Amino acid sequence: MSPDVGTEGIPDPRVLRDLAVSLATEAAALARRMRADGIEVADTKSSAVDVVTAADRACEELIRERLLRERPDDAVLGEEGEDRPGTSGVRWVVDPIDGTVNYLYGLPECAVSVAAEVGERVVAGAVVNIVTSTTYAAAAGHGATRDGQSIGVRSPTPESQWLVLTGFGYQAEVRAHQAACVARMLPAVRDIRRMGSCALDLCHVAEGTADAYVEEGPRPWDHSAGGLVLSEAGGRFELVPGSLPETVPGADPRGLLVGTSEASWDAFGALLVRSGFTSRSPGEFRE
């Protein structure tokens, strides 16, 4: 059997991880060059503040072209382009620039995120910071790294000492709901940060520079790679039922992203209930 292939013909997650790192690194370099040359808004999506730049499109096209050349039978789900079907059982989930507004303004929290799924399970991923080139990577069953060094979540601390990361959507009614939940949470914890990149937020929890992350509404390309990095760093990441559909009809019924250490999961879940992010107890998240 080829060393690139695992049991039952499934690609070795480490091979997919290394390809994800290569793709994300190359795309991040392109984004840096385009940012240095000057970049402007090319389009908007869900609202006037949900922007797309020419770099988003160029970086995704670069990744798609590389995948077509190296793994032509794989499927691709990208934020900016059309879904490409595949026959191999592997699907790539690509966010060419996560944190586009930060990228537009020159803030350093923006990244390229590339993940590989087998079936419905994420098995490999990479998140590369566009500004600093810091590289987070993970392969299922093989741990998580930052710039090649193993990382792990913070040791559990009391709720009052938690630093919680979160984010806000681009539609006014979604933001209003998220802001109300965050306002209820803030008095209970050390502090809350809104950095601007879901993928990097999850990696920060994975490396122990934050205690937890919660946000309702991000899409698969935002969290697939970062969620695996967190899980492989000894944390726990899940999509659970949130309360947003109660105020925004049609919202994803399981669209609440939650990530923290395994040891803090129940306590953080209870805080999410008190804050209004969800009405489910942590034990009910998977029901």
Protein backbone atom coordinates (compact mmCIF):
# COMPACT_ATOMS: atom_id res chain seq x y z
CA MET A 1 0.00 0.00 0.00
CA SER A 2 1.22 3.50 -0.80
CA PRO A 3 2.49 5.46 2.24
CA ASP A 4 0.12 8.23 1.17
CA VAL A 5 -2.91 6.02 1.79
CA GLY A 6 -4.28 4.87 5.13
CA THR A 7 -6.59 2.00 5.95
CA GLU A 8 -9.46 1.22 3.59
CA GLY A 9 -7.96 3.41 0.89
CA ILE A 10 -8.45 6.65 2.86
CA PRO A 11 -5.58 9.15 2.42
CA ASP A 12 -3.25 9.49 5.39
CA PRO A 13 -4.41 12.61 7.31
CA ARG A 14 -0.78 13.70 7.66
CA VAL A 15 -0.41 13.82 3.89
CA LEU A 16 -3.57 15.89 3.58
CA ARG A 17 -2.37 18.14 6.42
CA ASP A 18 0.94 18.79 4.68
CA LEU A 19 -0.86 19.66 1.46
CA ALA A 20 -3.19 21.98 3.39
CA VAL A 21 -0.16 23.74 4.87
CA SER A 22 1.41 24.11 1.44
CA LEU A 23 -1.78 25.49 -0.09
CA ALA A 24 -2.48 27.92 2.75
CA THR A 25 1.14 29.12 2.85
CA GLU A 26 1.19 29.85 -0.87
CA ALA A 27 -2.16 31.64 -0.75
CA ALA A 28 -1.10 33.70 2.28
CA ALA A 29 2.02 34.85 0.42
CA LEU A 30 -0.16 35.94 -2.51
CA ALA A 31 -2.47 37.84 -0.15
CA ARG A 32 0.51 39.65 1.41
CA ARG A 33 1.79 40.71 -2.00
CA MET A 34 -1.63 41.95 -3.06
CA ARG A 35 -2.06 43.84 0.21
CA ALA A 36 1.30 45.54 -0.29
CA ASP A 37 0.24 46.61 -3.77
CA GLY A 38 -3.00 48.11 -2.41
CA ILE A 39 -6.37 46.44 -2.19
CA GLU A 40 -9.94 47.64 -2.43
CA VAL A 41 -13.40 46.17 -1.94
CA ALA A 42 -14.44 44.18 -5.00
CA ASP A 43 -17.95 43.21 -3.91
CA THR A 44 -20.27 42.66 -0.92
CA LYS A 45 -22.21 39.57 0.19
CA SER A 46 -24.79 39.35 2.98
CA SER A 47 -24.73 43.09 3.71
CA ALA A 48 -22.92 46.29 2.76
CA VAL A 49 -20.26 45.60 5.42
CA ASP A 50 -19.68 41.95 4.41
CA VAL A 51 -16.94 42.62 1.89
CA VAL A 52 -15.00 40.65 -0.69
CA THR A 53 -11.64 41.79 -2.05
CA ALA A 54 -9.86 40.84 -5.25
CA ALA A 55 -7.38 39.00 -3.03
CA ASP A 56 -10.12 36.72 -1.64
CA ARG A 57 -10.94 35.63 -5.16
CA ALA A 58 -7.33 35.35 -6.33
CA CYS A 59 -6.29 33.27 -3.31
CA GLU A 60 -9.19 30.87 -3.68
CA GLU A 61 -8.50 30.48 -7.39
CA LEU A 62 -4.86 29.68 -6.63
CA ILE A 63 -5.89 26.97 -4.15
CA ARG A 64 -8.45 25.51 -6.54
CA GLU A 65 -5.91 25.35 -9.37
CA ARG A 66 -3.37 23.60 -7.14
CA LEU A 67 -5.94 21.07 -5.98
CA LEU A 68 -7.12 20.41 -9.51
CA ARG A 69 -3.53 19.65 -10.48
CA GLU A 70 -2.56 17.57 -7.44
CA ARG A 71 -5.85 15.92 -6.41
CA PRO A 72 -8.23 16.23 -9.39
CA ASP A 73 -10.79 13.76 -8.00
CA ASP A 74 -11.37 15.65 -4.75
CA ALA A 75 -14.38 17.88 -4.09
CA VAL A 76 -13.93 21.53 -3.13
CA LEU A 77 -16.14 23.82 -1.05
CA GLY A 78 -14.91 27.41 -1.09
CA GLU A 79 -16.31 30.63 0.29
CA GLU A 80 -16.00 32.60 -2.94
CA GLY A 81 -16.38 30.04 -5.75
CA GLU A 82 -18.82 27.36 -6.83
CA ASP A 83 -18.76 23.94 -5.16
CA ARG A 84 -16.80 21.37 -7.15
CA PRO A 85 -18.00 17.78 -6.88
CA GLY A 86 -15.54 14.92 -6.51
CA THR A 87 -15.32 11.13 -6.55
CA SER A 88 -12.43 10.41 -4.15
CA GLY A 89 -14.31 10.78 -0.86
CA VAL A 90 -12.18 13.79 0.10
CA ARG A 91 -13.58 17.32 0.18
CA TRP A 92 -11.50 20.46 0.71
CA VAL A 93 -13.08 23.35 2.62
CA VAL A 94 -11.40 26.65 1.81
CA ASP A 95 -11.58 30.16 3.23
CA PRO A 96 -9.13 32.21 1.15
CA ILE A 97 -9.13 35.09 3.64
CA ASP A 98 -10.80 34.67 7.00
CA GLY A 99 -10.96 38.14 8.52
CA THR A 100 -11.35 40.08 5.28
CA VAL A 101 -12.22 43.35 7.03
CA ASN A 102 -9.03 43.08 9.10
CA TYR A 103 -7.13 42.37 5.89
CA LEU A 104 -8.69 45.40 4.21
CA TYR A 105 -7.72 47.68 7.09
CA GLY A 106 -4.25 46.23 7.59
CA LEU A 107 -4.96 44.57 10.94
CA PRO A 108 -2.93 41.41 11.63
CA GLU A 109 -5.77 38.98 12.52
CA CYS A 110 -6.49 37.50 9.09
CA ALA A 111 -5.64 34.08 7.72
CA VAL A 112 -5.98 31.50 4.98
CA SER A 113 -7.84 28.41 6.19
CA VAL A 114 -7.72 25.07 4.36
CA ALA A 115 -9.26 21.83 5.65
CA ALA A 116 -9.81 18.34 4.26
CA GLU A 117 -12.85 16.22 5.06
CA VAL A 118 -13.32 12.49 4.58
CA GLY A 119 -17.01 11.75 4.70
CA GLU A 120 -18.33 14.41 7.04
CA ARG A 121 -15.29 14.37 9.31
CA VAL A 122 -12.52 16.95 9.15
CA VAL A 123 -9.24 15.01 9.15
CA ALA A 124 -6.64 17.65 8.26
CA GLY A 125 -6.30 21.39 8.30
CA ALA A 126 -4.05 24.42 8.26
CA VAL A 127 -4.54 28.06 9.23
CA VAL A 128 -1.82 30.49 8.13
CA ASN A 129 -1.77 34.07 9.40
CA ILE A 130 -1.36 36.30 6.35
CA VAL A 131 0.56 39.03 8.16
CA THR A 132 2.88 37.01 10.43
CA SER A 133 3.04 33.69 8.52
CA THR A 134 2.31 31.86 11.80
CA THR A 135 1.12 28.41 10.78
CA TYR A 136 -1.28 26.23 12.74
CA ALA A 137 -1.80 22.68 11.49
CA ALA A 138 -3.44 19.44 12.55
CA ALA A 139 -4.09 15.90 11.35
CA ALA A 140 -6.71 13.70 12.99
CA GLY A 141 -5.07 11.53 15.61
CA HIS A 142 -1.68 13.26 15.30
CA GLY A 143 -2.00 16.42 17.39
CA ALA A 144 -1.80 20.09 16.56
CA THR A 145 1.13 22.41 16.00
CA ARG A 146 2.07 26.06 15.73
CA ASP A 147 5.04 26.57 13.41
CA GLY A 148 5.84 22.89 13.82
CA GLN A 149 5.79 22.85 17.63
CA SER A 150 3.09 21.00 19.56
CA ILE A 151 0.43 23.13 21.23
CA GLY A 152 -2.20 22.52 23.88
CA VAL A 153 -5.11 24.25 25.58
CA ARG A 154 -4.84 26.18 28.85
CA SER A 155 -5.28 24.46 32.18
CA PRO A 156 -8.78 24.98 33.62
CA THR A 157 -9.35 28.14 35.64
CA PRO A 158 -12.38 29.63 37.44
CA GLU A 159 -15.02 31.23 35.23
CA SER A 160 -14.14 34.69 36.54
CA GLN A 161 -10.65 34.28 35.04
CA TRP A 162 -11.70 33.24 31.53
CA LEU A 163 -10.70 35.21 28.47
CA VAL A 164 -13.44 34.46 25.92
CA LEU A 165 -13.17 35.09 22.19
CA THR A 166 -16.21 35.78 20.05
CA GLY A 167 -17.31 37.36 16.77
CA PHE A 168 -20.20 39.16 15.14
CA GLY A 169 -22.04 38.53 11.90
CA TYR A 170 -22.69 41.09 9.20
CA GLN A 171 -26.47 41.32 9.34
CA ALA A 172 -27.91 43.86 11.78
CA GLU A 173 -30.41 41.51 13.43
CA VAL A 174 -27.71 38.84 13.91
CA ARG A 175 -25.35 41.37 15.47
CA ALA A 176 -28.04 42.59 17.83
CA HIS A 177 -28.63 39.05 19.11
CA GLN A 178 -24.91 38.33 19.46
CA ALA A 179 -24.25 41.63 21.24
CA ALA A 180 -27.04 41.00 23.75
CA CYS A 181 -25.60 37.58 24.60
CA VAL A 182 -22.09 38.96 24.95
CA ALA A 183 -23.33 41.78 27.21
CA ARG A 184 -24.88 39.21 29.55
CA MET A 185 -21.68 37.15 29.57
CA LEU A 186 -19.20 39.97 30.16
CA PRO A 187 -19.76 40.50 33.92
CA ALA A 188 -19.07 36.82 34.60
CA VAL A 189 -15.64 36.51 32.96
CA ARG A 190 -12.25 38.18 32.98
CA ASP A 191 -12.83 39.74 29.56
CA ILE A 192 -14.09 39.20 26.04
CA ARG A 193 -12.19 39.77 22.79
CA ARG A 194 -13.52 40.18 19.27
CA MET A 195 -10.45 39.67 17.08
CA GLY A 196 -12.10 39.25 13.69
CA SER A 197 -11.09 35.79 12.44
CA CYS A 198 -12.97 32.67 13.51
CA ALA A 199 -10.17 30.40 12.27
CA LEU A 200 -7.50 32.22 14.28
CA ASP A 201 -9.75 32.51 17.34
CA LEU A 202 -10.04 28.73 17.48
CA CYS A 203 -6.27 28.40 17.08
CA HIS A 204 -5.72 30.87 19.93
CA VAL A 205 -7.82 28.68 22.23
CA ALA A 206 -5.84 25.68 20.96
CA GLU A 207 -2.49 27.28 21.82
CA GLY A 208 -3.67 28.46 25.24
CA THR A 209 -3.75 32.22 24.62
CA ALA A 210 -7.50 32.27 25.34
CA ASP A 211 -9.81 30.08 27.38
CA ALA A 212 -12.87 29.70 25.16
CA TYR A 213 -14.62 30.74 21.98
CA VAL A 214 -18.29 31.14 21.08
CA GLU A 215 -20.02 32.57 18.02
CA GLU A 216 -23.32 31.90 16.31
CA GLY A 217 -23.40 31.97 12.52
CA PRO A 218 -19.94 31.20 11.01
CA ARG A 219 -19.89 28.88 8.02
CA PRO A 220 -17.90 25.63 7.49
CA TRP A 221 -15.02 27.37 5.72
CA ASP A 222 -14.59 29.65 8.76
CA HIS A 223 -14.21 26.90 11.34
CA SER A 224 -13.28 23.56 9.71
CA ALA A 225 -9.50 23.84 10.00
CA GLY A 226 -9.44 25.79 13.26
CA GLY A 227 -11.92 23.42 14.88
CA LEU A 228 -9.66 20.47 14.15
CA VAL A 229 -6.61 22.33 15.46
CA LEU A 230 -8.46 22.94 18.72
CA SER A 231 -9.68 19.35 19.01
CA GLU A 232 -6.23 17.95 18.34
CA ALA A 233 -4.72 20.35 20.91
CA GLY A 234 -6.74 18.69 23.65
CA GLY A 235 -9.76 20.97 23.44
CA ARG A 236 -13.35 20.35 22.50
CA PHE A 237 -15.11 21.95 19.55
CA GLU A 238 -18.72 21.43 18.55
CA LEU A 239 -21.57 22.99 16.59
CA VAL A 240 -24.56 23.02 18.90
CA PRO A 241 -28.14 24.36 18.86
CA GLY A 242 -28.13 28.10 19.45
CA SER A 243 -30.88 30.59 20.19
CA LEU A 244 -30.43 32.75 17.08
CA PRO A 245 -33.29 31.06 15.13
CA GLU A 246 -35.67 32.33 17.81
CA THR A 247 -34.96 35.93 16.74
CA VAL A 248 -33.80 35.44 13.13
CA PRO A 249 -36.09 32.94 11.35
CA GLY A 250 -34.19 30.68 8.99
CA ALA A 251 -30.91 30.81 10.90
CA ASP A 252 -28.96 27.55 11.17
CA PRO A 253 -30.55 25.52 14.00
CA ARG A 254 -27.15 24.07 14.91
CA GLY A 255 -25.09 27.14 14.15
CA LEU A 256 -23.54 27.93 17.54
CA LEU A 257 -19.79 27.31 17.52
CA VAL A 258 -18.37 26.42 20.93
CA GLY A 259 -14.75 25.67 21.76
CA THR A 260 -12.86 25.34 25.03
CA SER A 261 -10.87 22.79 27.00
CA GLU A 262 -12.51 19.47 27.74
CA ALA A 263 -12.21 20.24 31.46
CA SER A 264 -14.10 23.54 31.10
CA TRP A 265 -16.80 22.28 28.71
CA ASP A 266 -19.65 21.83 31.17
CA ALA A 267 -18.98 25.09 33.00
CA PHE A 268 -18.69 27.06 29.76
CA GLY A 269 -21.87 25.46 28.47
CA ALA A 270 -23.71 26.54 31.60
CA LEU A 271 -22.45 30.10 31.08
CA LEU A 272 -23.73 30.03 27.50
CA VAL A 273 -27.18 29.10 28.79
CA ARG A 274 -27.17 31.95 31.33
CA SER A 275 -25.98 34.37 28.65
CA GLY A 276 -28.73 33.42 26.20
CA PHE A 277 -26.55 31.85 23.51
CA THR A 278 -28.45 28.59 23.89
CA SER A 279 -31.27 27.11 25.94
CA ARG A 280 -29.68 23.66 25.91
CA SER A 281 -27.59 22.35 28.77
CA PRO A 282 -24.13 21.00 27.82
CA GLY A 283 -25.43 17.45 28.22
CA GLU A 284 -28.13 18.12 25.64
CA PHE A 285 -25.86 19.63 22.96
CA ARG A 286 -25.66 16.40 20.96
CA GLU A 287 -29.35 15.54 21.13
